[in-house]
PDB file of N, CA and C in Angstrom:
ATOM      1  N   GLN A   1       0.842  -1.186   0.000  1.00  0.00           N
ATOM      2  CA  GLN A   1       0.000   0.000   0.000  1.00  0.00           C
ATOM      3  C   GLN A   1       0.888   1.251   0.000  1.00  0.00           C
ATOM      4  N   VAL A   2       0.797   2.025  -1.070  1.00  0.00           N
ATOM      5  CA  VAL A   2       1.592   3.244  -1.171  1.00  0.00           C
ATOM      6  C   VAL A   2       1.012   4.310  -0.258  1.00  0.00           C
ATOM      7  N   GLN A   3       1.895   4.940   0.489  1.00  0.00           N
ATOM      8  CA  GLN A   3       1.488   6.061   1.338  1.00  0.00           C
ATOM      9  C   GLN A   3       2.384   7.248   1.072  1.00  0.00           C
ATOM     10  N   LEU A   4       1.775   8.403   0.942  1.00  0.00           N
ATOM     11  CA  LEU A   4       2.493   9.659   0.794  1.00  0.00           C
ATOM     12  C   LEU A   4       2.029  10.582   1.904  1.00  0.00           C
ATOM     13  N   VAL A   5       2.966  11.095   2.668  1.00  0.00           N
ATOM     14  CA  VAL A   5       2.620  11.958   3.803  1.00  0.00           C
ATOM     15  C   VAL A   5       3.415  13.249   3.701  1.00  0.00           C
ATOM     16  N   GLU A   6       2.695  14.351   3.513  1.00  0.00           N
ATOM     17  CA  GLU A   6       3.350  15.653   3.414  1.00  0.00           C
ATOM     18  C   GLU A   6       3.517  16.289   4.787  1.00  0.00           C
ATOM     19  N   SER A   7       4.510  17.135   4.889  1.00  0.00           N
ATOM     20  CA  SER A   7       4.714  17.912   6.111  1.00  0.00           C
ATOM     21  C   SER A   7       5.461  19.183   5.760  1.00  0.00           C
ATOM     22  N   GLY A   8       5.434  20.130   6.696  1.00  0.00           N
ATOM     23  CA  GLY A   8       6.218  21.347   6.544  1.00  0.00           C
ATOM     24  C   GLY A   8       5.422  22.604   6.263  1.00  0.00           C
ATOM     25  N   GLY A   9       4.152  22.468   5.962  1.00  0.00           N
ATOM     26  CA  GLY A   9       3.366  23.655   5.676  1.00  0.00           C
ATOM     27  C   GLY A   9       3.106  24.493   6.909  1.00  0.00           C
ATOM     28  N   ARG A  10       3.083  25.804   6.736  1.00  0.00           N
ATOM     29  CA  ARG A  10       2.808  26.716   7.838  1.00  0.00           C
ATOM     30  C   ARG A  10       2.595  28.111   7.286  1.00  0.00           C
ATOM     31  N   LEU A  11       2.395  29.065   8.187  1.00  0.00           N
ATOM     32  CA  LEU A  11       2.264  30.465   7.835  1.00  0.00           C
ATOM     33  C   LEU A  11       3.646  31.089   7.736  1.00  0.00           C
ATOM     34  N   VAL A  12       3.882  31.819   6.651  1.00  0.00           N
ATOM     35  CA  VAL A  12       5.176  32.465   6.444  1.00  0.00           C
ATOM     36  C   VAL A  12       4.938  33.828   5.792  1.00  0.00           C
ATOM     37  N   GLN A  13       5.824  34.768   6.034  1.00  0.00           N
ATOM     38  CA  GLN A  13       5.681  36.088   5.431  1.00  0.00           C
ATOM     39  C   GLN A  13       6.176  36.086   3.992  1.00  0.00           C
ATOM     40  N   ALA A  14       5.642  36.973   3.216  1.00  0.00           N
ATOM     41  CA  ALA A  14       6.088  37.113   1.832  1.00  0.00           C
ATOM     42  C   ALA A  14       7.586  37.384   1.805  1.00  0.00           C
ATOM     43  N   GLY A  15       8.248  36.743   0.854  1.00  0.00           N
ATOM     44  CA  GLY A  15       9.695  36.851   0.755  1.00  0.00           C
ATOM     45  C   GLY A  15      10.430  35.779   1.535  1.00  0.00           C
ATOM     46  N   GLY A  16       9.723  35.058   2.350  1.00  0.00           N
ATOM     47  CA  GLY A  16      10.334  34.024   3.172  1.00  0.00           C
ATOM     48  C   GLY A  16      10.496  32.703   2.441  1.00  0.00           C
ATOM     49  N   SER A  17      10.996  31.719   3.175  1.00  0.00           N
ATOM     50  CA  SER A  17      11.259  30.397   2.614  1.00  0.00           C
ATOM     51  C   SER A  17      10.579  29.323   3.446  1.00  0.00           C
ATOM     52  N   LEU A  18      10.333  28.210   2.779  1.00  0.00           N
ATOM     53  CA  LEU A  18       9.684  27.079   3.427  1.00  0.00           C
ATOM     54  C   LEU A  18      10.115  25.812   2.723  1.00  0.00           C
ATOM     55  N   SER A  19      10.248  24.743   3.487  1.00  0.00           N
ATOM     56  CA  SER A  19      10.609  23.463   2.890  1.00  0.00           C
ATOM     57  C   SER A  19       9.535  22.443   3.201  1.00  0.00           C
ATOM     58  N   LEU A  20       8.978  21.856   2.172  1.00  0.00           N
ATOM     59  CA  LEU A  20       7.986  20.802   2.316  1.00  0.00           C
ATOM     60  C   LEU A  20       8.638  19.449   2.090  1.00  0.00           C
ATOM     61  N   SER A  21       8.105  18.451   2.766  1.00  0.00           N
ATOM     62  CA  SER A  21       8.623  17.101   2.610  1.00  0.00           C
ATOM     63  C   SER A  21       7.482  16.135   2.366  1.00  0.00           C
ATOM     64  N   CYS A  22       7.725  15.156   1.529  1.00  0.00           N
ATOM     65  CA  CYS A  22       6.757  14.097   1.241  1.00  0.00           C
ATOM     66  C   CYS A  22       7.422  12.761   1.547  1.00  0.00           C
ATOM     67  N   ALA A  23       6.964  12.119   2.590  1.00  0.00           N
ATOM     68  CA  ALA A  23       7.506  10.814   2.965  1.00  0.00           C
ATOM     69  C   ALA A  23       6.751   9.731   2.214  1.00  0.00           C
ATOM     70  N   ALA A  24       7.484   8.933   1.459  1.00  0.00           N
ATOM     71  CA  ALA A  24       6.875   7.894   0.623  1.00  0.00           C
ATOM     72  C   ALA A  24       7.181   6.512   1.191  1.00  0.00           C
ATOM     73  N   SER A  25       6.178   5.663   1.205  1.00  0.00           N
ATOM     74  CA  SER A  25       6.373   4.314   1.712  1.00  0.00           C
ATOM     75  C   SER A  25       5.435   3.351   1.005  1.00  0.00           C
ATOM     76  N   GLY A  26       5.705   2.079   1.153  1.00  0.00           N
ATOM     77  CA  GLY A  26       4.817   1.058   0.620  1.00  0.00           C
ATOM     78  C   GLY A  26       5.358   0.293  -0.563  1.00  0.00           C
ATOM     79  N   ARG A  27       6.342   0.872  -1.245  1.00  0.00           N
ATOM     80  CA  ARG A  27       6.976   0.161  -2.342  1.00  0.00           C
ATOM     81  C   ARG A  27       8.253   0.882  -2.733  1.00  0.00           C
ATOM     82  N   THR A  28       8.950   0.328  -3.697  1.00  0.00           N
ATOM     83  CA  THR A  28      10.152   0.970  -4.211  1.00  0.00           C
ATOM     84  C   THR A  28       9.753   2.009  -5.245  1.00  0.00           C
ATOM     85  N   PHE A  29      10.251   3.218  -5.087  1.00  0.00           N
ATOM     86  CA  PHE A  29       9.832   4.311  -5.945  1.00  0.00           C
ATOM     87  C   PHE A  29      10.847   4.639  -7.023  1.00  0.00           C
ATOM     88  N   THR A  30      11.804   3.784  -7.225  1.00  0.00           N
ATOM     89  CA  THR A  30      12.931   4.084  -8.105  1.00  0.00           C
ATOM     90  C   THR A  30      12.492   4.596  -9.464  1.00  0.00           C
ATOM     91  N   ASN A  31      11.479   4.009 -10.052  1.00  0.00           N
ATOM     92  CA  ASN A  31      11.057   4.377 -11.405  1.00  0.00           C
ATOM     93  C   ASN A  31       9.827   5.296 -11.412  1.00  0.00           C
ATOM     94  N   TYR A  32       9.462   5.791 -10.254  1.00  0.00           N
ATOM     95  CA  TYR A  32       8.263   6.607 -10.178  1.00  0.00           C
ATOM     96  C   TYR A  32       8.559   8.068 -10.504  1.00  0.00           C
ATOM     97  N   PHE A  33       7.583   8.709 -11.122  1.00  0.00           N
ATOM     98  CA  PHE A  33       7.585  10.153 -11.254  1.00  0.00           C
ATOM     99  C   PHE A  33       6.825  10.715 -10.061  1.00  0.00           C
ATOM    100  N   MET A  34       7.487  11.621  -9.332  1.00  0.00           N
ATOM    101  CA  MET A  34       6.910  12.222  -8.142  1.00  0.00           C
ATOM    102  C   MET A  34       6.630  13.691  -8.422  1.00  0.00           C
ATOM    103  N   ALA A  35       5.534  14.194  -7.892  1.00  0.00           N
ATOM    104  CA  ALA A  35       5.169  15.572  -8.200  1.00  0.00           C
ATOM    105  C   ALA A  35       4.574  16.280  -6.989  1.00  0.00           C
ATOM    106  N   TRP A  36       4.668  17.592  -7.042  1.00  0.00           N
ATOM    107  CA  TRP A  36       3.970  18.457  -6.102  1.00  0.00           C
ATOM    108  C   TRP A  36       2.907  19.234  -6.875  1.00  0.00           C
ATOM    109  N   PHE A  37       1.714  19.239  -6.328  1.00  0.00           N
ATOM    110  CA  PHE A  37       0.620  20.046  -6.839  1.00  0.00           C
ATOM    111  C   PHE A  37       0.186  21.005  -5.734  1.00  0.00           C
ATOM    112  N   ARG A  38      -0.600  21.989  -6.105  1.00  0.00           N
ATOM    113  CA  ARG A  38      -1.187  22.876  -5.100  1.00  0.00           C
ATOM    114  C   ARG A  38      -2.599  23.265  -5.532  1.00  0.00           C
ATOM    115  N   GLN A  39      -3.387  23.567  -4.528  1.00  0.00           N
ATOM    116  CA  GLN A  39      -4.751  23.982  -4.797  1.00  0.00           C
ATOM    117  C   GLN A  39      -5.128  25.114  -3.858  1.00  0.00           C
ATOM    118  N   ALA A  40      -5.399  26.274  -4.450  1.00  0.00           N
ATOM    119  CA  ALA A  40      -5.841  27.439  -3.698  1.00  0.00           C
ATOM    120  C   ALA A  40      -7.370  27.427  -3.626  1.00  0.00           C
ATOM    121  N   PRO A  41      -7.946  28.105  -2.639  1.00  0.00           N
ATOM    122  CA  PRO A  41      -9.404  28.126  -2.513  1.00  0.00           C
ATOM    123  C   PRO A  41     -10.074  28.621  -3.790  1.00  0.00           C
ATOM    124  N   GLY A  42     -11.043  27.863  -4.263  1.00  0.00           N
ATOM    125  CA  GLY A  42     -11.790  28.262  -5.445  1.00  0.00           C
ATOM    126  C   GLY A  42     -11.073  28.031  -6.761  1.00  0.00           C
ATOM    127  N   LYS A  43      -9.910  27.422  -6.702  1.00  0.00           N
ATOM    128  CA  LYS A  43      -9.144  27.180  -7.934  1.00  0.00           C
ATOM    129  C   LYS A  43      -8.909  25.693  -8.148  1.00  0.00           C
ATOM    130  N   GLU A  44      -8.541  25.347  -9.367  1.00  0.00           N
ATOM    131  CA  GLU A  44      -8.237  23.968  -9.683  1.00  0.00           C
ATOM    132  C   GLU A  44      -6.850  23.592  -9.144  1.00  0.00           C
ATOM    133  N   ARG A  45      -6.691  22.306  -8.927  1.00  0.00           N
ATOM    134  CA  ARG A  45      -5.393  21.812  -8.503  1.00  0.00           C
ATOM    135  C   ARG A  45      -4.407  21.970  -9.661  1.00  0.00           C
ATOM    136  N   GLU A  46      -3.232  22.526  -9.378  1.00  0.00           N
ATOM    137  CA  GLU A  46      -2.273  22.778 -10.437  1.00  0.00           C
ATOM    138  C   GLU A  46      -0.919  22.140 -10.133  1.00  0.00           C
ATOM    139  N   PHE A  47      -0.258  21.736 -11.204  1.00  0.00           N
ATOM    140  CA  PHE A  47       1.072  21.161 -11.115  1.00  0.00           C
ATOM    141  C   PHE A  47       2.066  22.248 -10.705  1.00  0.00           C
ATOM    142  N   VAL A  48       2.969  21.903  -9.788  1.00  0.00           N
ATOM    143  CA  VAL A  48       3.995  22.830  -9.331  1.00  0.00           C
ATOM    144  C   VAL A  48       5.379  22.365  -9.780  1.00  0.00           C
ATOM    145  N   ALA A  49       5.719  21.134  -9.452  1.00  0.00           N
ATOM    146  CA  ALA A  49       7.048  20.613  -9.769  1.00  0.00           C
ATOM    147  C   ALA A  49       6.995  19.099  -9.763  1.00  0.00           C
ATOM    148  N   GLY A  50       7.928  18.486 -10.497  1.00  0.00           N
ATOM    149  CA  GLY A  50       7.964  17.035 -10.518  1.00  0.00           C
ATOM    150  C   GLY A  50       9.305  16.526 -10.996  1.00  0.00           C
ATOM    151  N   MET A  51       9.575  15.268 -10.689  1.00  0.00           N
ATOM    152  CA  MET A  51      10.823  14.640 -11.102  1.00  0.00           C
ATOM    153  C   MET A  51      10.688  13.134 -10.972  1.00  0.00           C
ATOM    154  N   PHE A  52      11.485  12.408 -11.749  1.00  0.00           N
ATOM    155  CA  PHE A  52      11.605  10.984 -11.511  1.00  0.00           C
ATOM    156  C   PHE A  52      12.455  10.771 -10.271  1.00  0.00           C
ATOM    157  N   TRP A  53      12.182   9.696  -9.569  1.00  0.00           N
ATOM    158  CA  TRP A  53      12.887   9.431  -8.329  1.00  0.00           C
ATOM    159  C   TRP A  53      14.386   9.349  -8.564  1.00  0.00           C
ATOM    160  N   ASN A  54      14.803   8.943  -9.767  1.00  0.00           N
ATOM    161  CA  ASN A  54      16.240   8.842 -10.049  1.00  0.00           C
ATOM    162  C   ASN A  54      16.862  10.199 -10.367  1.00  0.00           C
ATOM    163  N   GLY A  55      16.062  11.247 -10.311  1.00  0.00           N
ATOM    164  CA  GLY A  55      16.586  12.590 -10.521  1.00  0.00           C
ATOM    165  C   GLY A  55      16.423  13.134 -11.925  1.00  0.00           C
ATOM    166  N   ASN A  56      15.907  12.337 -12.831  1.00  0.00           N
ATOM    167  CA  ASN A  56      15.732  12.773 -14.210  1.00  0.00           C
ATOM    168  C   ASN A  56      14.452  13.583 -14.407  1.00  0.00           C
ATOM    169  N   ASN A  57      14.442  14.323 -15.511  1.00  0.00           N
ATOM    170  CA  ASN A  57      13.230  15.024 -15.956  1.00  0.00           C
ATOM    171  C   ASN A  57      12.620  15.898 -14.865  1.00  0.00           C
ATOM    172  N   ILE A  58      13.372  16.831 -14.374  1.00  0.00           N
ATOM    173  CA  ILE A  58      12.859  17.763 -13.375  1.00  0.00           C
ATOM    174  C   ILE A  58      12.058  18.839 -14.090  1.00  0.00           C
ATOM    175  N   MET A  59      10.833  19.040 -13.623  1.00  0.00           N
ATOM    176  CA  MET A  59       9.907  19.960 -14.266  1.00  0.00           C
ATOM    177  C   MET A  59       9.357  20.957 -13.257  1.00  0.00           C
ATOM    178  N   TYR A  60       9.109  22.187 -13.715  1.00  0.00           N
ATOM    179  CA  TYR A  60       8.494  23.208 -12.886  1.00  0.00           C
ATOM    180  C   TYR A  60       7.450  23.957 -13.691  1.00  0.00           C
ATOM    181  N   THR A  61       6.420  24.389 -13.024  1.00  0.00           N
ATOM    182  CA  THR A  61       5.522  25.319 -13.678  1.00  0.00           C
ATOM    183  C   THR A  61       6.199  26.682 -13.737  1.00  0.00           C
ATOM    184  N   ASP A  62       5.850  27.479 -14.716  1.00  0.00           N
ATOM    185  CA  ASP A  62       6.577  28.728 -14.956  1.00  0.00           C
ATOM    186  C   ASP A  62       6.578  29.668 -13.755  1.00  0.00           C
ATOM    187  N   SER A  63       5.497  29.701 -13.018  1.00  0.00           N
ATOM    188  CA  SER A  63       5.372  30.678 -11.939  1.00  0.00           C
ATOM    189  C   SER A  63       6.308  30.411 -10.759  1.00  0.00           C
ATOM    190  N   VAL A  64       6.901  29.225 -10.698  1.00  0.00           N
ATOM    191  CA  VAL A  64       7.793  28.925  -9.571  1.00  0.00           C
ATOM    192  C   VAL A  64       9.239  28.720 -10.006  1.00  0.00           C
ATOM    193  N   LYS A  65       9.488  28.772 -11.296  1.00  0.00           N
ATOM    194  CA  LYS A  65      10.866  28.576 -11.774  1.00  0.00           C
ATOM    195  C   LYS A  65      11.789  29.629 -11.167  1.00  0.00           C
ATOM    196  N   GLY A  66      12.941  29.170 -10.683  1.00  0.00           N
ATOM    197  CA  GLY A  66      13.892  30.072 -10.066  1.00  0.00           C
ATOM    198  C   GLY A  66      13.632  30.325  -8.592  1.00  0.00           C
ATOM    199  N   ARG A  67      12.468  29.907  -8.097  1.00  0.00           N
ATOM    200  CA  ARG A  67      12.135  30.107  -6.684  1.00  0.00           C
ATOM    201  C   ARG A  67      11.993  28.779  -5.938  1.00  0.00           C
ATOM    202  N   PHE A  68      11.461  27.775  -6.599  1.00  0.00           N
ATOM    203  CA  PHE A  68      11.227  26.469  -5.971  1.00  0.00           C
ATOM    204  C   PHE A  68      12.217  25.457  -6.521  1.00  0.00           C
ATOM    205  N   THR A  69      12.583  24.501  -5.662  1.00  0.00           N
ATOM    206  CA  THR A  69      13.471  23.424  -6.063  1.00  0.00           C
ATOM    207  C   THR A  69      12.928  22.106  -5.531  1.00  0.00           C
ATOM    208  N   ILE A  70      12.753  21.154  -6.433  1.00  0.00           N
ATOM    209  CA  ILE A  70      12.329  19.818  -6.028  1.00  0.00           C
ATOM    210  C   ILE A  70      13.554  18.916  -5.941  1.00  0.00           C
ATOM    211  N   SER A  71      13.548  18.035  -4.946  1.00  0.00           N
ATOM    212  CA  SER A  71      14.678  17.127  -4.778  1.00  0.00           C
ATOM    213  C   SER A  71      14.195  15.887  -4.039  1.00  0.00           C
ATOM    214  N   ARG A  72      15.038  14.879  -3.979  1.00  0.00           N
ATOM    215  CA  ARG A  72      14.677  13.699  -3.196  1.00  0.00           C
ATOM    216  C   ARG A  72      15.832  13.303  -2.305  1.00  0.00           C
ATOM    217  N   ASP A  73      15.472  12.700  -1.190  1.00  0.00           N
ATOM    218  CA  ASP A  73      16.455  12.224  -0.229  1.00  0.00           C
ATOM    219  C   ASP A  73      16.287  10.712  -0.144  1.00  0.00           C
ATOM    220  N   ASN A  74      17.204  10.007  -0.749  1.00  0.00           N
ATOM    221  CA  ASN A  74      17.070   8.545  -0.797  1.00  0.00           C
ATOM    222  C   ASN A  74      17.145   7.919   0.586  1.00  0.00           C
ATOM    223  N   ALA A  75      17.968   8.482   1.445  1.00  0.00           N
ATOM    224  CA  ALA A  75      18.138   7.907   2.778  1.00  0.00           C
ATOM    225  C   ALA A  75      16.847   7.991   3.590  1.00  0.00           C
ATOM    226  N   LYS A  76      16.108   9.089   3.403  1.00  0.00           N
ATOM    227  CA  LYS A  76      14.873   9.289   4.153  1.00  0.00           C
ATOM    228  C   LYS A  76      13.640   8.887   3.361  1.00  0.00           C
ATOM    229  N   ASN A  77      13.836   8.547   2.089  1.00  0.00           N
ATOM    230  CA  ASN A  77      12.721   8.205   1.201  1.00  0.00           C
ATOM    231  C   ASN A  77      11.705   9.343   1.130  1.00  0.00           C
ATOM    232  N   THR A  78      12.205  10.532   0.928  1.00  0.00           N
ATOM    233  CA  THR A  78      11.339  11.704   0.834  1.00  0.00           C
ATOM    234  C   THR A  78      11.591  12.455  -0.470  1.00  0.00           C
ATOM    235  N   VAL A  79      10.552  13.138  -0.915  1.00  0.00           N
ATOM    236  CA  VAL A  79      10.655  14.103  -2.001  1.00  0.00           C
ATOM    237  C   VAL A  79      10.364  15.465  -1.383  1.00  0.00           C
ATOM    238  N   ASN A  80      11.241  16.409  -1.626  1.00  0.00           N
ATOM    239  CA  ASN A  80      11.167  17.687  -0.935  1.00  0.00           C
ATOM    240  C   ASN A  80      10.916  18.822  -1.915  1.00  0.00           C
ATOM    241  N   LEU A  81      10.325  19.875  -1.407  1.00  0.00           N
ATOM    242  CA  LEU A  81      10.092  21.076  -2.206  1.00  0.00           C
ATOM    243  C   LEU A  81      10.589  22.269  -1.399  1.00  0.00           C
ATOM    244  N   GLN A  82      11.708  22.819  -1.829  1.00  0.00           N
ATOM    245  CA  GLN A  82      12.248  24.025  -1.211  1.00  0.00           C
ATOM    246  C   GLN A  82      11.639  25.226  -1.905  1.00  0.00           C
ATOM    247  N   MET A  83      10.985  26.070  -1.122  1.00  0.00           N
ATOM    248  CA  MET A  83      10.291  27.224  -1.685  1.00  0.00           C
ATOM    249  C   MET A  83      10.903  28.491  -1.143  1.00  0.00           C
ATOM    250  N   ASN A  84      11.455  29.307  -2.017  1.00  0.00           N
ATOM    251  CA  ASN A  84      12.071  30.574  -1.643  1.00  0.00           C
ATOM    252  C   ASN A  84      11.298  31.736  -2.260  1.00  0.00           C
ATOM    253  N   SER A  85      11.553  32.913  -1.744  1.00  0.00           N
ATOM    254  CA  SER A  85      10.920  34.136  -2.264  1.00  0.00           C
ATOM    255  C   SER A  85       9.415  33.942  -2.390  1.00  0.00           C
ATOM    256  N   LEU A  86       8.819  33.451  -1.352  1.00  0.00           N
ATOM    257  CA  LEU A  86       7.395  33.135  -1.395  1.00  0.00           C
ATOM    258  C   LEU A  86       6.540  34.377  -1.573  1.00  0.00           C
ATOM    259  N   LYS A  87       5.446  34.212  -2.288  1.00  0.00           N
ATOM    260  CA  LYS A  87       4.512  35.279  -2.583  1.00  0.00           C
ATOM    261  C   LYS A  87       3.133  34.900  -2.044  1.00  0.00           C
ATOM    262  N   PRO A  88       2.296  35.896  -1.772  1.00  0.00           N
ATOM    263  CA  PRO A  88       0.947  35.573  -1.300  1.00  0.00           C
ATOM    264  C   PRO A  88       0.199  34.637  -2.250  1.00  0.00           C
ATOM    265  N   GLU A  89       0.459  34.752  -3.545  1.00  0.00           N
ATOM    266  CA  GLU A  89      -0.216  33.876  -4.507  1.00  0.00           C
ATOM    267  C   GLU A  89       0.259  32.428  -4.448  1.00  0.00           C
ATOM    268  N   ASP A  90       1.286  32.147  -3.661  1.00  0.00           N
ATOM    269  CA  ASP A  90       1.698  30.762  -3.438  1.00  0.00           C
ATOM    270  C   ASP A  90       0.853  30.081  -2.362  1.00  0.00           C
ATOM    271  N   THR A  91      -0.006  30.842  -1.717  1.00  0.00           N
ATOM    272  CA  THR A  91      -0.871  30.281  -0.681  1.00  0.00           C
ATOM    273  C   THR A  91      -1.782  29.208  -1.266  1.00  0.00           C
ATOM    274  N   ALA A  92      -1.739  28.030  -0.683  1.00  0.00           N
ATOM    275  CA  ALA A  92      -2.520  26.898  -1.184  1.00  0.00           C
ATOM    276  C   ALA A  92      -2.280  25.691  -0.284  1.00  0.00           C
ATOM    277  N   VAL A  93      -3.075  24.673  -0.498  1.00  0.00           N
ATOM    278  CA  VAL A  93      -2.761  23.355   0.055  1.00  0.00           C
ATOM    279  C   VAL A  93      -1.839  22.664  -0.948  1.00  0.00           C
ATOM    280  N   TYR A  94      -0.719  22.183  -0.475  1.00  0.00           N
ATOM    281  CA  TYR A  94       0.262  21.528  -1.333  1.00  0.00           C
ATOM    282  C   TYR A  94       0.155  20.025  -1.156  1.00  0.00           C
ATOM    283  N   TYR A  95       0.082  19.333  -2.285  1.00  0.00           N
ATOM    284  CA  TYR A  95      -0.091  17.886  -2.298  1.00  0.00           C
ATOM    285  C   TYR A  95       1.089  17.203  -2.984  1.00  0.00           C
ATOM    286  N   CYS A  96       1.464  16.081  -2.444  1.00  0.00           N
ATOM    287  CA  CYS A  96       2.440  15.205  -3.072  1.00  0.00           C
ATOM    288  C   CYS A  96       1.672  14.148  -3.871  1.00  0.00           C
ATOM    289  N   ALA A  97       2.177  13.816  -5.045  1.00  0.00           N
ATOM    290  CA  ALA A  97       1.520  12.822  -5.889  1.00  0.00           C
ATOM    291  C   ALA A  97       2.574  11.940  -6.548  1.00  0.00           C
ATOM    292  N   ALA A  98       2.165  10.748  -6.927  1.00  0.00           N
ATOM    293  CA  ALA A  98       3.114   9.808  -7.532  1.00  0.00           C
ATOM    294  C   ALA A  98       2.461   8.983  -8.624  1.00  0.00           C
ATOM    295  N   ASP A  99       3.302   8.580  -9.562  1.00  0.00           N
ATOM    296  CA  ASP A  99       2.943   7.568 -10.547  1.00  0.00           C
ATOM    297  C   ASP A  99       1.823   7.971 -11.496  1.00  0.00           C
ATOM    298  N   PRO A 100       2.065   8.958 -12.357  1.00  0.00           N
ATOM    299  CA  PRO A 100       1.042   9.256 -13.363  1.00  0.00           C
ATOM    300  C   PRO A 100       0.908   8.103 -14.352  1.00  0.00           C
ATOM    301  N   SER A 101      -0.293   7.808 -14.728  1.00  0.00           N
ATOM    302  CA  SER A 101      -0.529   6.695 -15.661  1.00  0.00           C
ATOM    303  C   SER A 101       0.113   6.964 -17.012  1.00  0.00           C
ATOM    304  N   ARG A 102       0.072   8.212 -17.448  1.00  0.00           N
ATOM    305  CA  ARG A 102       0.698   8.614 -18.693  1.00  0.00           C
ATOM    306  C   ARG A 102       1.628   9.779 -18.394  1.00  0.00           C
ATOM    307  N   TRP A 103       2.929   9.512 -18.354  1.00  0.00           N
ATOM    308  CA  TRP A 103       3.873  10.538 -17.923  1.00  0.00           C
ATOM    309  C   TRP A 103       3.810  11.790 -18.798  1.00  0.00           C
ATOM    310  N   ALA A 104       3.493  11.625 -20.067  1.00  0.00           N
ATOM    311  CA  ALA A 104       3.418  12.789 -20.953  1.00  0.00           C
ATOM    312  C   ALA A 104       2.350  13.789 -20.491  1.00  0.00           C
ATOM    313  N   LEU A 105       1.430  13.316 -19.661  1.00  0.00           N
ATOM    314  CA  LEU A 105       0.377  14.181 -19.140  1.00  0.00           C
ATOM    315  C   LEU A 105       0.604  14.486 -17.666  1.00  0.00           C
ATOM    316  N   TYR A 106       1.862  14.668 -17.298  1.00  0.00           N
ATOM    317  CA  TYR A 106       2.247  14.776 -15.887  1.00  0.00           C
ATOM    318  C   TYR A 106       1.669  16.000 -15.196  1.00  0.00           C
ATOM    319  N   THR A 107       1.195  16.981 -15.939  1.00  0.00           N
ATOM    320  CA  THR A 107       0.630  18.168 -15.284  1.00  0.00           C
ATOM    321  C   THR A 107      -0.833  17.966 -14.899  1.00  0.00           C
ATOM    322  N   ARG A 108      -1.426  16.888 -15.331  1.00  0.00           N
ATOM    323  CA  ARG A 108      -2.844  16.643 -15.057  1.00  0.00           C
ATOM    324  C   ARG A 108      -3.021  15.839 -13.770  1.00  0.00           C
ATOM    325  N   PRO A 109      -3.669  16.407 -12.766  1.00  0.00           N
ATOM    326  CA  PRO A 109      -3.841  15.682 -11.509  1.00  0.00           C
ATOM    327  C   PRO A 109      -4.616  14.380 -11.664  1.00  0.00           C
ATOM    328  N   THR A 110      -5.489  14.297 -12.650  1.00  0.00           N
ATOM    329  CA  THR A 110      -6.290  13.079 -12.835  1.00  0.00           C
ATOM    330  C   THR A 110      -5.443  11.882 -13.260  1.00  0.00           C
ATOM    331  N   GLU A 111      -4.220  12.138 -13.693  1.00  0.00           N
ATOM    332  CA  GLU A 111      -3.366  11.048 -14.146  1.00  0.00           C
ATOM    333  C   GLU A 111      -2.696  10.294 -13.010  1.00  0.00           C
ATOM    334  N   TYR A 112      -2.669  10.889 -11.831  1.00  0.00           N
ATOM    335  CA  TYR A 112      -1.871  10.333 -10.748  1.00  0.00           C
ATOM    336  C   TYR A 112      -2.642   9.284  -9.950  1.00  0.00           C
ATOM    337  N   ASN A 113      -1.915   8.234  -9.610  1.00  0.00           N
ATOM    338  CA  ASN A 113      -2.519   7.115  -8.900  1.00  0.00           C
ATOM    339  C   ASN A 113      -2.441   7.243  -7.379  1.00  0.00           C
ATOM    340  N   TYR A 114      -1.519   8.039  -6.894  1.00  0.00           N
ATOM    341  CA  TYR A 114      -1.329   8.142  -5.450  1.00  0.00           C
ATOM    342  C   TYR A 114      -1.210   9.606  -5.031  1.00  0.00           C
ATOM    343  N   TRP A 115      -1.843   9.905  -3.897  1.00  0.00           N
ATOM    344  CA  TRP A 115      -1.851  11.269  -3.372  1.00  0.00           C
ATOM    345  C   TRP A 115      -1.647  11.262  -1.865  1.00  0.00           C
ATOM    346  N   GLY A 116      -1.002  12.331  -1.395  1.00  0.00           N
ATOM    347  CA  GLY A 116      -0.961  12.566   0.037  1.00  0.00           C
ATOM    348  C   GLY A 116      -2.182  13.358   0.472  1.00  0.00           C
ATOM    349  N   GLN A 117      -2.234  13.664   1.760  1.00  0.00           N
ATOM    350  CA  GLN A 117      -3.402  14.342   2.318  1.00  0.00           C
ATOM    351  C   GLN A 117      -3.310  15.861   2.199  1.00  0.00           C
ATOM    352  N   GLY A 118      -2.134  16.368   1.898  1.00  0.00           N
ATOM    353  CA  GLY A 118      -1.946  17.805   1.718  1.00  0.00           C
ATOM    354  C   GLY A 118      -1.426  18.502   2.958  1.00  0.00           C
ATOM    355  N   THR A 119      -0.748  19.626   2.736  1.00  0.00           N
ATOM    356  CA  THR A 119      -0.249  20.456   3.827  1.00  0.00           C
ATOM    357  C   THR A 119      -0.467  21.917   3.437  1.00  0.00           C
ATOM    358  N   GLN A 120      -0.961  22.703   4.387  1.00  0.00           N
ATOM    359  CA  GLN A 120      -1.347  24.085   4.101  1.00  0.00           C
ATOM    360  C   GLN A 120      -0.146  25.011   4.166  1.00  0.00           C
ATOM    361  N   VAL A 121       0.009  25.790   3.098  1.00  0.00           N
ATOM    362  CA  VAL A 121       1.014  26.852   3.058  1.00  0.00           C
ATOM    363  C   VAL A 121       0.281  28.179   2.933  1.00  0.00           C
ATOM    364  N   THR A 122       0.530  29.077   3.855  1.00  0.00           N
ATOM    365  CA  THR A 122      -0.089  30.396   3.822  1.00  0.00           C
ATOM    366  C   THR A 122       1.005  31.446   3.826  1.00  0.00           C
ATOM    367  N   VAL A 123       0.981  32.311   2.813  1.00  0.00           N
ATOM    368  CA  VAL A 123       1.977  33.367   2.699  1.00  0.00           C
ATOM    369  C   VAL A 123       1.282  34.700   2.935  1.00  0.00           C
ATOM    370  N   SER A 124       1.678  35.390   3.976  1.00  0.00           N
ATOM    371  CA  SER A 124       1.058  36.672   4.307  1.00  0.00           C
ATOM    372  C   SER A 124       1.821  37.816   3.658  1.00  0.00           C
ATOM    373  N   SER A 125       1.074  38.845   3.297  1.00  0.00           N
ATOM    374  CA  SER A 125       1.692  39.996   2.623  1.00  0.00           C
ATOM    375  C   SER A 125       2.186  41.031   3.617  1.00  0.00           C
TER     376      SER A 125
END
């Protein structure tokens, strides 16, 4: 049984930094594509960043390029999202997701087979 558990969300001031972590368990994730999505109130869930567990094919949505960094820690079996220069528009629930059925459609949340419960990030102005 695959489990994804996010942590690290909290209230932070604009311009600040935050690090999110997604603890993955239940199987070997070596060949999995892992992603972070976010969903703000009243908006659709959107792709933020993603990568294969082996470090290949790192992807970011345009609005976070240069500010966010996705990485994985093999020793801890986590996928992390370092968020710098945070803006109020980054406020959302952030979700970890894994294993899109069709990798070419990796930005579509409906493609993913596994999800975490989400962690709230609030950026105050």
